Amino acid sequence: MYEDKTLVCKECGNEFVFTSGEQEFYAEKGFVNEPQRCKPCRNARKQATKSAREFHTTVCAECGGEARIPFRPMEGKSYYCSECFAKRNEEGIA
């Protein structure tokens, strides 16, 4: 029913393929507009909004190092640096 379409990215001007599978997905979700940006440009836009988030610094409850978190720390709660958080996650503690 759907056929691959070649579209032009409005950001970088490069051509990209809007596959039949993607078109079917868009139809299932009720999206009416075709994508206007290629995958690398979409990812770049997502990254730009992520880096704009404000981070707060607190002390890691595990190692005592610096923990950066994307929300304001609350008094009496434990926060962990990336390494300790990942370790706790692997151990099933988090």
Protein backbone atom coordinates (compact mmCIF):
# COMPACT_ATOMS: atom_id res chain seq x y z
CA MET A 1 0.00 0.00 0.00
CA TYR A 2 2.75 2.47 0.93
CA GLU A 3 5.86 3.10 -1.15
CA ASP A 4 9.16 4.66 -0.08
CA LYS A 5 9.29 8.41 -0.75
CA THR A 6 12.34 10.61 -1.13
CA LEU A 7 11.95 13.87 0.80
CA VAL A 8 14.22 16.90 1.23
CA CYS A 9 15.23 17.95 4.74
CA LYS A 10 14.21 21.54 5.48
CA GLU A 11 17.17 21.89 7.86
CA CYS A 12 20.16 20.67 5.83
CA GLY A 13 18.69 20.28 2.33
CA ASN A 14 19.77 16.65 2.00
CA GLU A 15 17.44 14.02 0.62
CA PHE A 16 16.20 11.25 2.89
CA VAL A 17 13.86 8.29 2.46
CA PHE A 18 10.48 8.23 4.16
CA THR A 19 10.05 4.46 4.15
CA SER A 20 6.79 2.62 3.65
CA GLY A 21 7.12 1.29 7.22
CA GLU A 22 7.48 4.81 8.58
CA GLN A 23 4.49 5.95 6.54
CA GLU A 24 2.41 3.11 7.96
CA PHE A 25 3.52 4.04 11.48
CA TYR A 26 2.58 7.69 10.88
CA ALA A 27 -0.86 6.60 9.61
CA GLU A 28 -1.43 4.35 12.65
CA LYS A 29 -0.58 7.21 14.99
CA GLY A 30 -2.83 9.60 13.09
CA PHE A 31 0.00 11.89 11.98
CA VAL A 32 -1.07 13.84 8.91
CA ASN A 33 2.20 15.64 8.07
CA GLU A 34 5.24 13.97 6.57
CA PRO A 35 8.57 14.45 8.40
CA GLN A 36 10.36 17.62 7.37
CA ARG A 37 13.80 16.76 8.73
CA CYS A 38 16.17 13.86 8.16
CA LYS A 39 17.07 11.60 11.09
CA PRO A 40 20.42 13.33 11.87
CA CYS A 41 18.72 16.76 11.96
CA ARG A 42 15.86 15.41 14.14
CA ASN A 43 18.41 13.94 16.54
CA ALA A 44 20.36 17.22 16.61
CA ARG A 45 17.20 19.13 17.53
CA LYS A 46 16.43 16.67 20.32
CA GLN A 47 19.97 17.00 21.69
CA ALA A 48 19.75 20.79 21.61
CA THR A 49 16.67 20.73 23.84
CA LYS A 50 18.22 18.19 26.20
CA SER A 51 21.36 20.24 26.74
CA ALA A 52 19.22 23.28 27.58
CA ARG A 53 18.02 21.55 30.76
CA GLU A 54 19.22 23.00 34.02
CA PHE A 55 21.26 20.68 36.23
CA HIS A 56 21.85 20.95 39.97
CA THR A 57 24.88 19.73 41.86
CA THR A 58 24.66 17.74 45.08
CA VAL A 59 26.75 15.17 46.97
CA CYS A 60 26.55 11.50 45.98
CA ALA A 61 25.17 9.43 48.87
CA GLU A 62 27.33 6.46 47.86
CA CYS A 63 30.85 7.77 47.10
CA GLY A 64 30.66 11.38 48.33
CA GLY A 65 31.54 12.72 44.89
CA GLU A 66 29.65 15.27 42.83
CA ALA A 67 26.22 14.23 41.56
CA ARG A 68 24.54 16.30 38.85
CA ILE A 69 20.77 15.91 38.70
CA PRO A 70 18.18 17.50 36.35
CA PHE A 71 15.92 18.65 39.18
CA ARG A 72 16.26 20.58 42.42
CA PRO A 73 17.45 18.28 45.24
CA MET A 74 15.15 17.85 48.22
CA GLU A 75 16.34 17.84 51.81
CA GLY A 76 16.66 14.36 53.32
CA LYS A 77 16.72 12.44 50.00
CA SER A 78 19.65 10.45 48.66
CA TYR A 79 21.11 11.24 45.25
CA TYR A 80 23.81 9.41 43.33
CA CYS A 81 26.44 10.29 40.74
CA SER A 82 26.11 8.64 37.32
CA GLU A 83 28.53 5.83 38.15
CA CYS A 84 26.95 4.92 41.48
CA PHE A 85 23.46 5.20 40.03
CA ALA A 86 24.38 2.81 37.20
CA LYS A 87 25.99 0.38 39.67
CA ARG A 88 22.89 0.42 41.87
CA ASN A 89 20.70 -0.09 38.82
CA GLU A 90 22.74 -3.15 37.74
CA GLU A 91 22.48 -4.59 41.25
CA GLY A 92 18.73 -3.98 41.28
CA ILE A 93 18.94 -1.58 44.22
CA ALA A 94 17.66 1.55 42.47
